[in-house]
Amino acid sequence: MFKTLQPLILASESPRRKRLLQSVGLDFRVKPSRMTESGLPSGSPAADAERWAHVKSASVSAAFPDSWVLGADTIVVVDGGIFGKPADRDEAASMLSQLSGRIHEVVTGMCLMRTVGGIHKAGSVTTRVLFKDLSRDEIEAYIRTGEPMDKAGAYGIQGIGAFLVRSIEGSYTNVVGLPLCEVLGWLTEEGIIEPDSGN
């Protein structure tokens, strides 16, 4: 659907982000950032997500200065608390229990940069998600699938975790891990991609 006109790197090892970009025909390389997500507090979940996306992009861009580098960081926010990926099954159960029957926000920070030219864009997208009321047995059964363990907030809306979600307000692909509409807009604005009209 889109043609890639300039070298593009995804600074993430997330298979979900990779599949989203591939789904619209983009040609890109994957060079995961090895930065550890800790520290860098800013007082705002959106600013935290944007800052981590910038850190990830910058760490990869330093090695590939002529390429465009896209970084992203997704967090789940409830009552002002930030949920990243659970460290173990107990933490996954705690997260899911706290999300049960409630609205939470999924925030993805994004950063697009190219070291040559000093070009840098940053922003974030927020989606509101309402969970159904979850029983302890449902939580335990879901954790046994293994799906929660590598996902912010301990669930994947694009997988088995779809059963948890009663409704969403905002971007679906943001909850998956990358707000595709906004990202494609950035890439088009910078002349990195264009629609493939077949001409």
C-alpha atoms as a PDB file:
ATOM      1  CA  MET A   1       0.000   0.000   0.000  1.00  0.00           C
ATOM      2  CA  PHE A   2       2.921   2.363   0.732  1.00  0.00           C
ATOM      3  CA  LYS A   3       6.356   2.641  -0.859  1.00  0.00           C
ATOM      4  CA  THR A   4       9.394   3.344   1.293  1.00  0.00           C
ATOM      5  CA  LEU A   5      11.576   6.038  -0.314  1.00  0.00           C
ATOM      6  CA  GLN A   6      14.292   6.535   2.310  1.00  0.00           C
ATOM      7  CA  PRO A   7      16.124   4.164   4.688  1.00  0.00           C
ATOM      8  CA  LEU A   8      13.950   3.455   7.725  1.00  0.00           C
ATOM      9  CA  ILE A   9      14.813   1.630  10.941  1.00  0.00           C
ATOM     10  CA  LEU A  10      12.416   0.451  13.651  1.00  0.00           C
ATOM     11  CA  ALA A  11      14.226   0.776  16.998  1.00  0.00           C
ATOM     12  CA  SER A  12      12.108  -1.908  18.644  1.00  0.00           C
ATOM     13  CA  GLU A  13      12.080  -5.671  18.888  1.00  0.00           C
ATOM     14  CA  SER A  14       8.301  -5.731  19.364  1.00  0.00           C
ATOM     15  CA  PRO A  15       6.818  -8.209  16.885  1.00  0.00           C
ATOM     16  CA  ARG A  16       3.529  -6.298  17.098  1.00  0.00           C
ATOM     17  CA  ARG A  17       5.070  -3.015  15.940  1.00  0.00           C
ATOM     18  CA  LYS A  18       6.913  -4.841  13.182  1.00  0.00           C
ATOM     19  CA  ARG A  19       3.700  -6.511  11.954  1.00  0.00           C
ATOM     20  CA  LEU A  20       1.793  -3.213  11.961  1.00  0.00           C
ATOM     21  CA  LEU A  21       4.374  -1.537   9.721  1.00  0.00           C
ATOM     22  CA  GLN A  22       4.615  -4.592   7.475  1.00  0.00           C
ATOM     23  CA  SER A  23       0.820  -4.685   7.122  1.00  0.00           C
ATOM     24  CA  VAL A  24       0.892  -1.463   5.065  1.00  0.00           C
ATOM     25  CA  GLY A  25       3.826  -2.573   2.929  1.00  0.00           C
ATOM     26  CA  LEU A  26       6.683  -0.611   4.509  1.00  0.00           C
ATOM     27  CA  ASP A  27      10.278  -1.684   3.860  1.00  0.00           C
ATOM     28  CA  PHE A  28      12.416  -1.197   6.971  1.00  0.00           C
ATOM     29  CA  ARG A  29      15.114  -2.752   9.109  1.00  0.00           C
ATOM     30  CA  VAL A  30      14.738  -3.720  12.764  1.00  0.00           C
ATOM     31  CA  LYS A  31      17.545  -2.608  15.083  1.00  0.00           C
ATOM     32  CA  PRO A  32      16.327  -2.901  18.673  1.00  0.00           C
ATOM     33  CA  SER A  33      17.536  -0.404  21.221  1.00  0.00           C
ATOM     34  CA  ARG A  34      19.203  -2.074  24.177  1.00  0.00           C
ATOM     35  CA  MET A  35      18.234   0.705  26.568  1.00  0.00           C
ATOM     36  CA  THR A  36      16.586  -0.404  29.822  1.00  0.00           C
ATOM     37  CA  GLU A  37      13.340   1.318  30.710  1.00  0.00           C
ATOM     38  CA  SER A  38      13.962   2.784  34.151  1.00  0.00           C
ATOM     39  CA  GLY A  39      14.359   6.229  35.616  1.00  0.00           C
ATOM     40  CA  LEU A  40      13.926   9.396  33.575  1.00  0.00           C
ATOM     41  CA  PRO A  41      10.868  10.542  35.573  1.00  0.00           C
ATOM     42  CA  SER A  42       9.106  13.625  34.254  1.00  0.00           C
ATOM     43  CA  GLY A  43       5.854  13.735  36.169  1.00  0.00           C
ATOM     44  CA  SER A  44       3.608  12.966  33.195  1.00  0.00           C
ATOM     45  CA  PRO A  45       2.951   9.510  31.667  1.00  0.00           C
ATOM     46  CA  ALA A  46       2.841  10.956  28.134  1.00  0.00           C
ATOM     47  CA  ALA A  47       6.118  12.809  28.653  1.00  0.00           C
ATOM     48  CA  ASP A  48       7.709   9.673  30.130  1.00  0.00           C
ATOM     49  CA  ALA A  49       6.646   7.590  27.121  1.00  0.00           C
ATOM     50  CA  GLU A  50       7.904  10.245  24.706  1.00  0.00           C
ATOM     51  CA  ARG A  51      11.213  10.539  26.526  1.00  0.00           C
ATOM     52  CA  TRP A  52      11.805   6.784  26.426  1.00  0.00           C
ATOM     53  CA  ALA A  53      10.912   6.693  22.747  1.00  0.00           C
ATOM     54  CA  HIS A  54      13.507   9.420  22.204  1.00  0.00           C
ATOM     55  CA  VAL A  55      16.152   7.536  24.193  1.00  0.00           C
ATOM     56  CA  LYS A  56      15.536   4.392  22.150  1.00  0.00           C
ATOM     57  CA  SER A  57      15.635   6.247  18.831  1.00  0.00           C
ATOM     58  CA  ALA A  58      18.752   8.203  19.736  1.00  0.00           C
ATOM     59  CA  SER A  59      20.677   5.098  20.799  1.00  0.00           C
ATOM     60  CA  VAL A  60      20.068   3.478  17.405  1.00  0.00           C
ATOM     61  CA  SER A  61      20.369   6.686  15.351  1.00  0.00           C
ATOM     62  CA  ALA A  62      23.901   7.230  16.637  1.00  0.00           C
ATOM     63  CA  ALA A  63      24.979   4.086  14.757  1.00  0.00           C
ATOM     64  CA  PHE A  64      22.922   4.822  11.617  1.00  0.00           C
ATOM     65  CA  PRO A  65      23.070   8.625  11.192  1.00  0.00           C
ATOM     66  CA  ASP A  66      21.886   8.619   7.563  1.00  0.00           C
ATOM     67  CA  SER A  67      18.743   6.574   8.267  1.00  0.00           C
ATOM     68  CA  TRP A  68      15.417   7.571   9.724  1.00  0.00           C
ATOM     69  CA  VAL A  69      14.877   5.857  13.082  1.00  0.00           C
ATOM     70  CA  LEU A  70      11.469   5.283  14.651  1.00  0.00           C
ATOM     71  CA  GLY A  71      11.280   4.507  18.353  1.00  0.00           C
ATOM     72  CA  ALA A  72       8.231   3.897  20.530  1.00  0.00           C
ATOM     73  CA  ASP A  73       7.356   3.163  24.128  1.00  0.00           C
ATOM     74  CA  THR A  74       3.927   1.995  25.319  1.00  0.00           C
ATOM     75  CA  ILE A  75       2.686   2.212  28.895  1.00  0.00           C
ATOM     76  CA  VAL A  76      -0.587   1.552  30.686  1.00  0.00           C
ATOM     77  CA  VAL A  77      -1.811   4.160  33.174  1.00  0.00           C
ATOM     78  CA  VAL A  78      -4.404   3.680  35.913  1.00  0.00           C
ATOM     79  CA  ASP A  79      -4.930   6.035  38.871  1.00  0.00           C
ATOM     80  CA  GLY A  80      -1.755   7.853  37.877  1.00  0.00           C
ATOM     81  CA  GLY A  81       0.313   4.672  38.218  1.00  0.00           C
ATOM     82  CA  ILE A  82       2.292   3.344  35.281  1.00  0.00           C
ATOM     83  CA  PHE A  83       2.221  -0.327  34.308  1.00  0.00           C
ATOM     84  CA  GLY A  84       5.010  -1.595  32.108  1.00  0.00           C
ATOM     85  CA  LYS A  85       5.665  -5.266  31.379  1.00  0.00           C
ATOM     86  CA  PRO A  86       5.111  -7.570  34.371  1.00  0.00           C
ATOM     87  CA  ALA A  87       8.225  -9.024  35.955  1.00  0.00           C
ATOM     88  CA  ASP A  88       6.520 -12.308  36.857  1.00  0.00           C
ATOM     89  CA  ARG A  89       3.162 -14.073  37.080  1.00  0.00           C
ATOM     90  CA  ASP A  90       2.296 -12.498  40.430  1.00  0.00           C
ATOM     91  CA  GLU A  91       2.820  -8.998  39.071  1.00  0.00           C
ATOM     92  CA  ALA A  92       0.773  -9.855  35.975  1.00  0.00           C
ATOM     93  CA  ALA A  93      -2.081 -11.030  38.231  1.00  0.00           C
ATOM     94  CA  SER A  94      -1.847  -7.833  40.281  1.00  0.00           C
ATOM     95  CA  MET A  95      -1.988  -5.649  37.175  1.00  0.00           C
ATOM     96  CA  LEU A  96      -4.974  -7.475  35.718  1.00  0.00           C
ATOM     97  CA  SER A  97      -6.809  -7.345  39.061  1.00  0.00           C
ATOM     98  CA  GLN A  98      -6.305  -3.577  39.211  1.00  0.00           C
ATOM     99  CA  LEU A  99      -7.531  -3.132  35.624  1.00  0.00           C
ATOM    100  CA  SER A 100     -10.596  -5.341  36.120  1.00  0.00           C
ATOM    101  CA  GLY A 101     -13.884  -3.517  35.538  1.00  0.00           C
ATOM    102  CA  ARG A 102     -12.180  -0.158  35.101  1.00  0.00           C
ATOM    103  CA  ILE A 103     -11.082   2.333  32.480  1.00  0.00           C
ATOM    104  CA  HIS A 104      -7.350   2.753  31.953  1.00  0.00           C
ATOM    105  CA  GLU A 105      -5.254   4.659  29.459  1.00  0.00           C
ATOM    106  CA  VAL A 106      -2.737   3.234  27.003  1.00  0.00           C
ATOM    107  CA  VAL A 107      -0.106   5.805  26.069  1.00  0.00           C
ATOM    108  CA  THR A 108       2.415   5.311  23.283  1.00  0.00           C
ATOM    109  CA  GLY A 109       5.253   7.781  22.976  1.00  0.00           C
ATOM    110  CA  MET A 110       6.899   8.026  19.551  1.00  0.00           C
ATOM    111  CA  CYS A 111      10.097   9.553  18.254  1.00  0.00           C
ATOM    112  CA  LEU A 112      11.251   9.847  14.645  1.00  0.00           C
ATOM    113  CA  MET A 113      14.750  11.142  14.026  1.00  0.00           C
ATOM    114  CA  ARG A 114      17.636  11.328  11.608  1.00  0.00           C
ATOM    115  CA  THR A 115      20.992  12.385  13.007  1.00  0.00           C
ATOM    116  CA  VAL A 116      22.147  13.798   9.665  1.00  0.00           C
ATOM    117  CA  GLY A 117      20.186  17.017   9.361  1.00  0.00           C
ATOM    118  CA  GLY A 118      19.319  17.065  13.051  1.00  0.00           C
ATOM    119  CA  ILE A 119      15.676  16.200  12.400  1.00  0.00           C
ATOM    120  CA  HIS A 120      13.575  15.086  15.347  1.00  0.00           C
ATOM    121  CA  LYS A 121       9.845  14.626  15.948  1.00  0.00           C
ATOM    122  CA  ALA A 122       8.223  13.449  19.164  1.00  0.00           C
ATOM    123  CA  GLY A 123       4.665  12.955  20.324  1.00  0.00           C
ATOM    124  CA  SER A 124       2.261  10.572  21.985  1.00  0.00           C
ATOM    125  CA  VAL A 125      -1.193   9.078  21.504  1.00  0.00           C
ATOM    126  CA  THR A 126      -3.569   8.044  24.293  1.00  0.00           C
ATOM    127  CA  THR A 127      -6.405   5.505  24.081  1.00  0.00           C
ATOM    128  CA  ARG A 128      -8.951   4.829  26.831  1.00  0.00           C
ATOM    129  CA  VAL A 129      -9.741   1.147  27.412  1.00  0.00           C
ATOM    130  CA  LEU A 130     -12.547  -0.346  29.516  1.00  0.00           C
ATOM    131  CA  PHE A 131     -12.045  -3.851  30.922  1.00  0.00           C
ATOM    132  CA  LYS A 132     -14.814  -6.258  31.840  1.00  0.00           C
ATOM    133  CA  ASP A 133     -15.047  -7.466  35.433  1.00  0.00           C
ATOM    134  CA  LEU A 134     -12.576 -10.333  35.719  1.00  0.00           C
ATOM    135  CA  SER A 135     -12.851 -13.313  38.026  1.00  0.00           C
ATOM    136  CA  ARG A 136      -9.761 -14.723  39.699  1.00  0.00           C
ATOM    137  CA  ASP A 137     -10.128 -17.863  37.580  1.00  0.00           C
ATOM    138  CA  GLU A 138     -10.208 -15.823  34.361  1.00  0.00           C
ATOM    139  CA  ILE A 139      -7.069 -13.967  35.389  1.00  0.00           C
ATOM    140  CA  GLU A 140      -5.242 -17.184  36.254  1.00  0.00           C
ATOM    141  CA  ALA A 141      -6.363 -18.895  33.043  1.00  0.00           C
ATOM    142  CA  TYR A 142      -5.168 -15.940  30.970  1.00  0.00           C
ATOM    143  CA  ILE A 143      -1.793 -15.842  32.717  1.00  0.00           C
ATOM    144  CA  ARG A 144      -1.360 -19.568  32.021  1.00  0.00           C
ATOM    145  CA  THR A 145      -1.428 -18.785  28.283  1.00  0.00           C
ATOM    146  CA  GLY A 146       1.842 -16.840  28.712  1.00  0.00           C
ATOM    147  CA  GLU A 147       0.527 -13.925  26.662  1.00  0.00           C
ATOM    148  CA  PRO A 148       0.624 -11.283  29.431  1.00  0.00           C
ATOM    149  CA  MET A 149       4.308 -11.617  30.197  1.00  0.00           C
ATOM    150  CA  ASP A 150       5.853  -9.386  27.501  1.00  0.00           C
ATOM    151  CA  LYS A 151       3.161  -6.726  27.264  1.00  0.00           C
ATOM    152  CA  ALA A 152       2.566  -3.420  29.025  1.00  0.00           C
ATOM    153  CA  GLY A 153      -0.326  -3.814  31.432  1.00  0.00           C
ATOM    154  CA  ALA A 154      -0.076  -7.614  31.142  1.00  0.00           C
ATOM    155  CA  TYR A 155      -2.450  -8.034  28.206  1.00  0.00           C
ATOM    156  CA  GLY A 156      -2.534  -8.069  24.411  1.00  0.00           C
ATOM    157  CA  ILE A 157      -5.684  -6.689  22.795  1.00  0.00           C
ATOM    158  CA  GLN A 158      -4.730  -8.239  19.442  1.00  0.00           C
ATOM    159  CA  GLY A 159      -4.519 -11.741  20.916  1.00  0.00           C
ATOM    160  CA  ILE A 160      -6.315 -13.807  23.538  1.00  0.00           C
ATOM    161  CA  GLY A 161      -6.543 -10.677  25.670  1.00  0.00           C
ATOM    162  CA  ALA A 162      -9.268  -9.330  23.386  1.00  0.00           C
ATOM    163  CA  PHE A 163     -11.748 -11.065  25.700  1.00  0.00           C
ATOM    164  CA  LEU A 164     -10.780  -8.661  28.509  1.00  0.00           C
ATOM    165  CA  VAL A 165     -11.799  -5.510  26.638  1.00  0.00           C
ATOM    166  CA  ARG A 166     -15.376  -4.233  26.764  1.00  0.00           C
ATOM    167  CA  SER A 167     -14.723  -1.055  24.757  1.00  0.00           C
ATOM    168  CA  ILE A 168     -12.052   1.378  23.601  1.00  0.00           C
ATOM    169  CA  GLU A 169     -12.045   5.091  22.891  1.00  0.00           C
ATOM    170  CA  GLY A 170      -9.341   6.123  20.448  1.00  0.00           C
ATOM    171  CA  SER A 171      -6.746   4.335  18.342  1.00  0.00           C
ATOM    172  CA  TYR A 172      -6.875   0.526  18.354  1.00  0.00           C
ATOM    173  CA  THR A 173      -3.373   0.172  16.894  1.00  0.00           C
ATOM    174  CA  ASN A 174      -2.084   2.377  19.716  1.00  0.00           C
ATOM    175  CA  VAL A 175      -3.203  -0.303  22.180  1.00  0.00           C
ATOM    176  CA  VAL A 176      -1.422  -2.902  20.052  1.00  0.00           C
ATOM    177  CA  GLY A 177       1.779  -0.858  20.382  1.00  0.00           C
ATOM    178  CA  LEU A 178       2.004   1.756  17.611  1.00  0.00           C
ATOM    179  CA  PRO A 179      -0.587   4.349  16.511  1.00  0.00           C
ATOM    180  CA  LEU A 180      -0.384   3.579  12.819  1.00  0.00           C
ATOM    181  CA  CYS A 181      -2.375   6.562  11.543  1.00  0.00           C
ATOM    182  CA  GLU A 182      -0.106   9.093  13.265  1.00  0.00           C
ATOM    183  CA  VAL A 183       3.119   7.266  12.382  1.00  0.00           C
ATOM    184  CA  LEU A 184       2.208   7.043   8.696  1.00  0.00           C
ATOM    185  CA  GLY A 185       1.364  10.740   8.756  1.00  0.00           C
ATOM    186  CA  TRP A 186       4.833  11.577  10.074  1.00  0.00           C
ATOM    187  CA  LEU A 187       6.563   9.322   7.558  1.00  0.00           C
ATOM    188  CA  THR A 188       4.588  10.837   4.696  1.00  0.00           C
ATOM    189  CA  GLU A 189       5.278  14.414   5.832  1.00  0.00           C
ATOM    190  CA  GLU A 190       9.028  13.751   5.831  1.00  0.00           C
ATOM    191  CA  GLY A 191       8.948  12.104   2.395  1.00  0.00           C
ATOM    192  CA  ILE A 192      10.028   8.761   3.825  1.00  0.00           C
ATOM    193  CA  ILE A 193       7.024   6.937   2.357  1.00  0.00           C
ATOM    194  CA  GLU A 194       4.307   7.592  -0.181  1.00  0.00           C
ATOM    195  CA  PRO A 195       1.135   5.776  -1.217  1.00  0.00           C
ATOM    196  CA  ASP A 196       1.811   3.108  -3.828  1.00  0.00           C
ATOM    197  CA  SER A 197      -0.620   4.110  -6.578  1.00  0.00           C
ATOM    198  CA  GLY A 198       0.846   1.609  -9.033  1.00  0.00           C
ATOM    199  CA  ASN A 199       2.226   4.288 -11.325  1.00  0.00           C
END
